[in-house]
Amino acid sequence: MTTVLGYPLSRAIAVLEAEKLTVQLWELTCRKGAAGSDARIVRQQLLDDQCVLLTYALFETKGTETD
């Protein structure tokens, strides 16, 4: 199984499904409810021979302008 830590969510799913694995998802959120738009994999767990659980979080990866 390919390690997909740090991958964008859609790319991670595509890579693992190409390996004939079933993918389950779990979203990790912060208490502050900070906005984010870039879903990245933060944990990968093999549940059995054919199923992997991906935990992802939303990050703000776009730069901000400063005055």
Protein backbone atom coordinates (compact mmCIF):
# COMPACT_ATOMS: atom_id res chain seq x y z
CA MET A 1 0.00 0.00 0.00
CA THR A 2 1.28 3.43 -0.96
CA THR A 3 1.70 5.94 1.85
CA VAL A 4 -0.40 9.02 1.04
CA LEU A 5 0.29 11.24 4.07
CA GLY A 6 0.20 14.90 3.06
CA TYR A 7 -1.48 14.17 -0.27
CA PRO A 8 -4.53 16.15 -1.38
CA LEU A 9 -7.66 14.12 -0.56
CA SER A 10 -8.73 13.45 -4.16
CA ARG A 11 -5.25 12.29 -5.20
CA ALA A 12 -4.93 9.99 -2.16
CA ILE A 13 -8.28 8.34 -2.92
CA ALA A 14 -7.33 7.82 -6.58
CA VAL A 15 -3.96 6.27 -5.69
CA LEU A 16 -5.45 3.80 -3.18
CA GLU A 17 -8.45 2.88 -5.33
CA ALA A 18 -6.03 2.10 -8.17
CA GLU A 19 -4.49 -0.43 -5.77
CA LYS A 20 -7.97 -2.01 -5.39
CA LEU A 21 -8.43 -0.79 -1.82
CA THR A 22 -11.69 0.41 -0.32
CA VAL A 23 -11.28 3.88 1.18
CA GLN A 24 -13.16 5.20 4.22
CA LEU A 25 -12.87 8.85 5.24
CA TRP A 26 -12.80 10.68 8.57
CA GLU A 27 -12.58 14.47 8.82
CA LEU A 28 -10.47 15.99 11.58
CA THR A 29 -11.60 19.45 12.69
CA CYS A 30 -10.25 21.97 15.14
CA ARG A 31 -12.23 23.39 18.04
CA LYS A 32 -11.97 26.93 16.72
CA GLY A 33 -13.70 26.01 13.49
CA ALA A 34 -10.99 27.64 11.39
CA ALA A 35 -11.82 27.79 7.71
CA GLY A 36 -9.79 25.81 5.25
CA SER A 37 -10.22 24.73 1.68
CA ASP A 38 -7.38 22.29 0.98
CA ALA A 39 -8.12 18.76 2.26
CA ARG A 40 -4.90 16.91 3.11
CA ILE A 41 -4.30 13.44 4.56
CA VAL A 42 -3.02 13.52 8.15
CA ARG A 43 -3.39 9.83 9.09
CA GLN A 44 -3.63 6.54 7.19
CA GLN A 45 -4.74 3.30 8.84
CA LEU A 46 -5.09 -0.13 7.27
CA LEU A 47 -8.31 -1.62 8.68
CA ASP A 48 -7.97 -4.97 6.93
CA ASP A 49 -6.41 -6.38 3.75
CA GLN A 50 -8.77 -4.45 1.48
CA CYS A 51 -9.81 -1.34 3.43
CA VAL A 52 -7.96 1.80 4.52
CA LEU A 53 -9.17 4.66 6.72
CA LEU A 54 -7.93 8.10 5.72
CA THR A 55 -8.16 10.96 8.20
CA TYR A 56 -8.01 14.36 6.57
CA ALA A 57 -8.03 17.98 7.70
CA LEU A 58 -8.82 21.19 5.87
CA PHE A 59 -5.91 23.62 5.62
CA GLU A 60 -5.65 27.14 4.33
CA THR A 61 -2.74 26.89 1.92
CA LYS A 62 -3.24 30.03 -0.15
CA GLY A 63 -0.97 32.95 0.69
CA THR A 64 -2.47 36.12 2.11
CA GLU A 65 -1.70 39.61 0.94
CA THR A 66 -0.12 42.02 3.38
CA ASP A 67 -0.43 45.80 3.21
